[in-house]
N, C-alpha and C. Protein backbone atom coordinates (compact mmCIF):
# COMPACT_ATOMS: atom_id res chain seq x y z
N MET A 1 0.74 -1.23 -0.10
CA MET A 1 0.09 -0.01 0.26
C MET A 1 1.00 1.42 0.06
N ALA A 2 0.40 2.52 -1.04
CA ALA A 2 1.39 3.53 -0.63
C ALA A 2 -0.47 4.98 0.58
N ALA A 3 0.72 5.96 0.42
CA ALA A 3 -0.05 6.56 0.72
C ALA A 3 -0.79 7.37 -0.22
N THR A 4 -2.31 8.29 0.82
CA THR A 4 -3.20 7.98 -0.86
C THR A 4 -2.94 9.67 0.00
N SER A 5 -2.40 10.24 -0.19
CA SER A 5 -2.43 12.28 -0.66
C SER A 5 -2.60 12.49 -2.04
N ILE A 6 -3.42 13.54 -1.91
CA ILE A 6 -4.08 13.92 -3.14
C ILE A 6 -3.11 14.14 -3.94
N LEU A 7 -2.29 15.09 -3.70
CA LEU A 7 -1.49 16.30 -4.28
C LEU A 7 -0.36 15.73 -4.27
N SER A 8 0.48 14.79 -4.22
CA SER A 8 1.69 14.45 -4.24
C SER A 8 1.50 12.67 -4.45
N THR A 9 2.18 11.57 -4.16
CA THR A 9 2.73 10.28 -4.75
C THR A 9 4.33 10.02 -3.90
N ASP A 10 3.62 8.99 -3.24
CA ASP A 10 4.75 7.99 -2.13
C ASP A 10 5.50 7.89 -2.57
N ASP A 11 5.81 8.22 -4.05
CA ASP A 11 7.68 8.45 -4.49
C ASP A 11 8.39 9.58 -4.08
N GLU A 12 7.40 10.44 -4.49
CA GLU A 12 7.67 11.60 -4.23
C GLU A 12 7.94 12.22 -3.15
N MET A 13 7.12 11.89 -2.19
CA MET A 13 7.75 11.74 -0.17
C MET A 13 8.54 10.94 -0.04
N ASN A 14 8.99 9.93 -0.30
CA ASN A 14 10.13 8.80 -0.03
C ASN A 14 11.14 10.18 -0.67
N ALA A 15 11.54 10.36 -1.70
CA ALA A 15 12.89 11.04 -2.42
C ALA A 15 12.88 12.48 -2.20
N MET A 16 11.72 12.92 -1.06
CA MET A 16 12.94 14.16 -1.12
C MET A 16 12.94 13.35 1.55
N ALA A 17 12.14 12.91 1.68
CA ALA A 17 12.61 12.22 3.21
C ALA A 17 13.88 11.80 2.98
N GLY A 18 14.67 10.67 2.22
CA GLY A 18 15.69 10.75 2.03
C GLY A 18 15.65 9.31 1.89
N GLU A 19 16.94 8.80 2.68
CA GLU A 19 17.35 7.52 2.12
C GLU A 19 17.95 7.23 3.66
N LEU A 20 18.19 8.36 4.60
CA LEU A 20 18.03 7.87 5.84
C LEU A 20 17.29 8.11 7.74
N VAL A 21 15.88 8.30 6.06
CA VAL A 21 15.05 8.53 7.33
C VAL A 21 14.54 7.17 7.58
N ASP A 22 13.79 7.34 9.38
CA ASP A 22 14.04 5.87 9.71
C ASP A 22 12.07 5.25 9.57
N THR A 23 12.35 3.70 9.74
CA THR A 23 10.64 3.42 9.79
C THR A 23 9.85 3.51 10.28
N THR A 24 10.52 3.68 11.29
CA THR A 24 9.17 3.68 12.47
C THR A 24 8.43 4.05 12.25
N GLY A 25 8.62 5.86 11.74
CA GLY A 25 6.75 6.42 12.02
C GLY A 25 7.01 6.93 10.14
N TRP A 26 7.87 6.44 9.25
CA TRP A 26 7.78 6.12 7.92
C TRP A 26 6.33 5.49 7.39
N THR A 27 5.45 5.23 8.23
CA THR A 27 4.21 4.26 7.76
C THR A 27 3.44 5.15 7.05
N ASP A 28 2.59 3.99 5.74
CA ASP A 28 1.15 5.14 5.48
C ASP A 28 0.90 5.76 5.25
N ALA A 29 0.09 4.82 6.72
CA ALA A 29 -0.86 6.22 7.62
C ALA A 29 -0.15 7.18 8.32
N ASN A 30 0.39 7.46 8.42
CA ASN A 30 1.50 8.53 8.88
C ASN A 30 1.67 9.74 7.38
N LYS A 31 1.71 9.16 6.50
CA LYS A 31 2.34 9.91 4.87
C LYS A 31 1.16 10.53 4.98
N THR A 32 -0.34 9.58 5.02
CA THR A 32 -1.27 10.15 4.29
C THR A 32 -1.77 10.86 5.21
N ALA A 33 -1.52 10.96 6.98
CA ALA A 33 -2.12 12.03 7.46
C ALA A 33 -1.41 13.04 6.90
N TRP A 34 0.55 13.08 6.98
CA TRP A 34 0.75 14.52 6.77
C TRP A 34 0.39 14.88 5.98
N GLY A 35 0.38 14.40 4.73
CA GLY A 35 0.03 14.76 3.56
C GLY A 35 -1.46 15.43 3.63
N LEU A 36 -2.09 14.76 4.15
CA LEU A 36 -3.66 15.80 4.00
C LEU A 36 -4.00 16.92 5.19
N GLN A 37 -2.28 17.38 5.73
CA GLN A 37 -2.53 18.32 7.44
C GLN A 37 -1.91 19.23 6.09
N ALA A 38 -0.51 18.85 5.05
CA ALA A 38 -0.16 19.90 4.35
C ALA A 38 -1.08 20.20 3.29
N GLU A 39 -2.32 19.53 2.52
CA GLU A 39 -3.18 19.90 1.79
C GLU A 39 -3.91 21.11 2.10
N ALA A 40 -4.42 20.50 3.59
CA ALA A 40 -5.56 21.45 4.26
C ALA A 40 -4.66 22.67 4.63
N TYR A 41 -3.49 22.75 5.04
CA TYR A 41 -2.92 24.62 5.00
C TYR A 41 -2.92 25.06 3.55
N LEU A 42 -2.05 24.13 2.71
CA LEU A 42 -1.90 25.25 1.45
C LEU A 42 -3.43 25.59 0.77
N ALA A 43 -4.76 24.96 1.38
CA ALA A 43 -5.49 25.56 0.73
C ALA A 43 -5.94 26.87 1.79
N SER A 44 -6.06 26.22 2.67
CA SER A 44 -6.81 27.82 4.10
C SER A 44 -5.54 28.98 3.84
N ILE A 45 -4.38 29.28 3.47
CA ILE A 45 -3.14 29.92 2.73
C ILE A 45 -4.02 30.86 1.50
N SER A 46 -4.26 29.67 0.64
CA SER A 46 -4.67 30.51 -1.13
C SER A 46 -5.46 30.81 -0.63
N GLN A 47 -7.00 30.60 0.31
CA GLN A 47 -8.19 29.71 -0.01
C GLN A 47 -8.97 29.35 -1.51
N TYR A 48 -8.27 28.40 -1.51
CA TYR A 48 -8.75 27.40 -2.83
C TYR A 48 -8.26 25.78 -2.33
N ASP A 49 -9.13 25.38 -2.64
CA ASP A 49 -8.77 23.96 -2.61
C ASP A 49 -9.09 23.42 -3.23
N TRP A 50 -7.50 23.34 -3.89
CA TRP A 50 -6.65 22.17 -4.54
C TRP A 50 -7.25 20.33 -4.35
N SER A 51 -7.43 20.35 -3.48
CA SER A 51 -7.25 18.66 -3.70
C SER A 51 -8.74 18.47 -3.97
N THR A 52 -10.33 19.38 -3.43
CA THR A 52 -10.89 18.69 -3.91
C THR A 52 -11.19 19.73 -6.14
N ASN A 53 -10.22 19.91 -6.44
CA ASN A 53 -10.43 21.17 -7.89
C ASN A 53 -7.98 20.16 -8.25
N VAL A 54 -8.26 19.07 -7.62
CA VAL A 54 -7.57 18.82 -8.42
C VAL A 54 -7.01 18.13 -9.60
N ALA A 55 -8.67 17.67 -10.70
CA ALA A 55 -8.56 17.56 -11.58
C ALA A 55 -8.07 19.39 -12.99
N THR A 56 -8.17 19.96 -12.34
CA THR A 56 -8.13 21.77 -13.21
C THR A 56 -6.89 22.07 -12.80
N ILE A 57 -6.53 21.63 -11.92
CA ILE A 57 -4.92 22.08 -11.83
C ILE A 57 -3.55 22.63 -13.05
N LEU A 58 -3.03 23.83 -13.49
CA LEU A 58 -2.04 22.90 -14.57
C LEU A 58 -1.40 23.14 -13.61
N GLY A 59 -1.07 22.69 -15.15
CA GLY A 59 0.52 21.56 -14.50
C GLY A 59 2.02 21.98 -14.05
N VAL A 60 2.67 23.28 -14.11
CA VAL A 60 2.92 24.25 -13.27
C VAL A 60 2.77 23.98 -12.06
N ALA A 61 1.51 24.68 -11.89
CA ALA A 61 0.73 25.06 -9.98
C ALA A 61 1.16 23.17 -9.36
N ALA A 62 0.62 21.81 -10.13
CA ALA A 62 0.34 20.92 -9.82
C ALA A 62 1.87 20.21 -9.40
N GLU A 63 2.92 20.86 -10.36
CA GLU A 63 4.56 20.48 -9.64
C GLU A 63 4.33 21.41 -8.67
N MET A 64 3.99 22.60 -8.07
CA MET A 64 4.51 23.27 -7.61
C MET A 64 3.93 22.72 -5.49
N LEU A 65 2.65 22.14 -5.57
CA LEU A 65 1.53 21.63 -4.53
C LEU A 65 2.41 21.15 -4.36
N SER A 66 2.80 19.47 -5.46
CA SER A 66 3.12 18.05 -4.79
C SER A 66 4.56 18.66 -4.26
N GLU A 67 5.24 19.20 -4.46
CA GLU A 67 6.67 19.80 -4.22
C GLU A 67 6.46 19.85 -2.96
N TYR A 68 5.63 21.15 -2.13
CA TYR A 68 5.28 21.41 -0.93
C TYR A 68 4.90 20.10 -0.01
N VAL A 69 3.56 19.81 -0.77
CA VAL A 69 3.36 17.88 0.54
C VAL A 69 4.65 17.20 0.53
N ALA A 70 5.12 16.51 -0.44
CA ALA A 70 6.11 16.00 -0.64
C ALA A 70 6.80 16.67 0.28
N ARG A 71 7.35 18.01 0.66
CA ARG A 71 8.06 18.45 1.63
C ARG A 71 8.53 17.95 2.87
N TYR A 72 7.03 18.82 3.18
CA TYR A 72 5.77 18.41 4.79
C TYR A 72 5.96 17.19 4.54
N VAL A 73 5.42 15.77 4.31
CA VAL A 73 5.75 15.28 4.94
C VAL A 73 7.18 14.60 5.29
N ALA A 74 7.78 14.97 4.44
CA ALA A 74 8.93 14.51 4.56
C ALA A 74 10.12 15.04 6.22
N MET A 75 9.69 16.74 5.67
CA MET A 75 9.83 16.70 7.36
C MET A 75 9.55 16.48 8.42
N GLN A 76 8.35 16.41 8.12
CA GLN A 76 7.64 15.69 9.26
C GLN A 76 7.63 14.02 10.34
N ALA A 77 8.67 13.38 8.91
CA ALA A 77 8.69 12.42 9.22
C ALA A 77 10.67 12.11 9.78
N ILE A 78 10.88 12.95 9.16
CA ILE A 78 12.45 13.32 9.45
C ILE A 78 12.18 13.85 11.56
N ALA A 79 11.76 14.89 11.27
CA ALA A 79 11.27 14.81 12.53
C ALA A 79 10.90 14.32 13.63
N TYR A 80 9.95 13.29 13.44
CA TYR A 80 9.16 12.60 13.98
C TYR A 80 10.60 11.74 14.61
N ASN A 81 11.35 10.48 13.81
CA ASN A 81 12.51 9.96 14.65
C ASN A 81 14.03 10.20 13.46
N MET A 82 14.78 11.35 14.24
CA MET A 82 16.28 11.92 13.79
C MET A 82 17.56 10.51 14.21
N ALA A 83 16.72 9.09 14.34
CA ALA A 83 17.43 8.35 14.77
C ALA A 83 18.75 7.30 13.52
N GLY A 84 18.27 7.61 12.95
CA GLY A 84 18.50 7.28 11.17
C GLY A 84 19.95 7.33 10.64
N PHE A 85 19.63 8.69 11.21
CA PHE A 85 21.16 10.44 10.19
C PHE A 85 22.12 10.31 10.84
N THR A 86 23.68 9.72 10.53
CA THR A 86 24.39 10.31 10.68
C THR A 86 24.48 10.84 12.42
N SER A 87 24.02 11.71 12.14
CA SER A 87 23.89 13.49 13.24
C SER A 87 23.23 14.20 12.96
N ARG A 88 22.36 14.00 14.83
CA ARG A 88 20.83 14.96 14.79
C ARG A 88 21.26 16.41 13.58
N ILE A 89 22.90 17.11 13.52
CA ILE A 89 22.79 18.45 12.85
C ILE A 89 22.70 18.29 10.58
N GLU A 90 22.80 17.07 10.72
CA GLU A 90 22.34 16.28 9.56
C GLU A 90 21.16 16.49 8.85
N ALA A 91 19.68 16.04 9.96
CA ALA A 91 18.61 16.36 10.11
C ALA A 91 17.96 17.19 10.17
N GLU A 92 18.97 18.35 10.82
CA GLU A 92 18.27 19.49 10.97
C GLU A 92 18.61 20.00 10.21
N ASP A 93 19.39 20.40 9.45
CA ASP A 93 19.82 20.81 7.93
C ASP A 93 19.17 19.88 7.44
N MET A 94 18.15 19.04 6.49
CA MET A 94 17.29 18.57 5.76
C MET A 94 16.04 18.92 6.27
N ILE A 95 15.74 19.33 7.62
CA ILE A 95 14.77 20.09 7.74
C ILE A 95 13.99 21.39 7.37
N ASN A 96 15.71 22.09 7.00
CA ASN A 96 15.65 23.57 7.25
C ASN A 96 15.82 23.74 5.66
N ILE A 97 16.28 23.33 4.51
CA ILE A 97 15.99 23.01 3.40
C ILE A 97 14.51 22.64 3.22
N HIS A 98 13.68 21.78 3.74
CA HIS A 98 12.81 21.83 3.21
C HIS A 98 12.36 22.77 3.91
N ILE A 99 11.99 23.67 4.62
CA ILE A 99 11.43 25.04 5.08
C ILE A 99 11.70 25.82 4.46
N PHE A 100 13.13 25.52 3.70
CA PHE A 100 13.49 27.42 3.17
C PHE A 100 11.98 27.38 1.99
N ARG A 101 12.20 25.87 1.37
CA ARG A 101 12.11 25.78 -0.69
C ARG A 101 10.03 26.12 -0.06
N MET A 102 9.55 25.29 1.18
CA MET A 102 8.21 26.29 1.69
C MET A 102 7.52 27.31 1.56
N LEU A 103 8.71 27.69 2.00
CA LEU A 103 8.12 29.20 3.04
C LEU A 103 8.18 29.84 1.13
N ALA A 104 9.25 29.42 0.05
CA ALA A 104 8.99 30.20 -1.05
C ALA A 104 7.61 30.06 -1.63
N ILE A 105 7.47 28.58 -1.35
CA ILE A 105 6.14 27.87 -2.39
C ILE A 105 4.39 28.88 -1.06
N GLU A 106 4.86 28.49 0.13
CA GLU A 106 3.96 29.49 0.29
C GLU A 106 3.49 30.61 -0.01
N LYS A 107 4.56 32.41 -0.21
CA LYS A 107 4.69 32.94 -0.68
C LYS A 107 3.86 32.50 -2.10
N ILE A 108 4.43 32.18 -2.80
CA ILE A 108 3.46 32.57 -4.14
C ILE A 108 2.19 31.49 -4.34
N VAL A 109 2.03 31.08 -3.43
CA VAL A 109 0.26 29.83 -3.53
C VAL A 109 -0.08 30.95 -2.39
N SER A 110 -0.13 31.91 -1.73
CA SER A 110 -1.02 32.78 -0.82
C SER A 110 -1.16 34.08 -1.54
N ASP A 111 -0.58 33.69 -3.02
CA ASP A 111 -0.54 35.72 -3.58
C ASP A 111 -2.11 34.97 -4.57
N PRO A 112 -2.99 35.91 -4.32
CA PRO A 112 -4.33 35.63 -4.94
C PRO A 112 -4.48 35.55 -6.58
N SER A 113 -2.85 35.69 -7.26
CA SER A 113 -2.52 36.09 -8.43
C SER A 113 -2.53 34.81 -9.11
N PHE A 114 -2.24 33.34 -7.86
CA PHE A 114 -1.79 32.78 -7.96
C PHE A 114 -2.84 31.49 -8.49
N VAL A 115 -3.61 31.74 -7.41
CA VAL A 115 -5.15 31.16 -7.79
C VAL A 115 -5.54 31.43 -8.95
N ASP A 116 -5.65 32.75 -9.58
CA ASP A 116 -6.14 33.39 -11.28
C ASP A 116 -5.63 32.54 -11.77
N PHE A 117 -4.03 32.72 -12.35
CA PHE A 117 -3.15 31.92 -12.68
C PHE A 117 -3.42 30.54 -13.29
N VAL A 118 -3.70 30.42 -12.12
CA VAL A 118 -4.05 28.71 -12.72
C VAL A 118 -5.82 28.73 -13.29
N SER A 119 -5.83 29.12 -12.74
CA SER A 119 -7.75 29.62 -13.36
C SER A 119 -7.52 29.59 -14.63
N ASP A 120 -7.35 30.90 -14.80
CA ASP A 120 -7.31 31.62 -16.46
C ASP A 120 -6.63 30.73 -16.97
N SER A 121 -5.25 29.61 -17.03
CA SER A 121 -4.82 28.71 -18.10
C SER A 121 -5.24 27.98 -17.76
N ASN A 122 -6.66 27.50 -17.63
CA ASN A 122 -7.49 25.90 -17.48
C ASN A 122 -7.96 26.46 -18.03
N ALA A 123 -8.77 27.88 -18.35
CA ALA A 123 -10.29 28.02 -19.01
C ALA A 123 -10.34 27.56 -20.51
């Protein structure tokens, strides 16, 4: 079985988590829950329900939203148990990289013109 996020795939989540993620918390149930949390957050900051309207999302927007969800899930998994990494600093560096990119995506997604861009492109 695989995680059932609407906006991201299991493979994308695995890639973002890296090979050292501890498998204790890296379960399909956790990945699904974390993915749905990220999707809800994206909907709240953009005031647009991406998950419900997934079929109408422009390709470039879909890639960005998918990246965000995969990074959020990976960050949660890394923070869940850092034991698999060579050091806590390595795990924290990975989290910081995810946060940096997620903040950039949040800035774009929260701009009302982003939703307009996606809607206009699909018309």
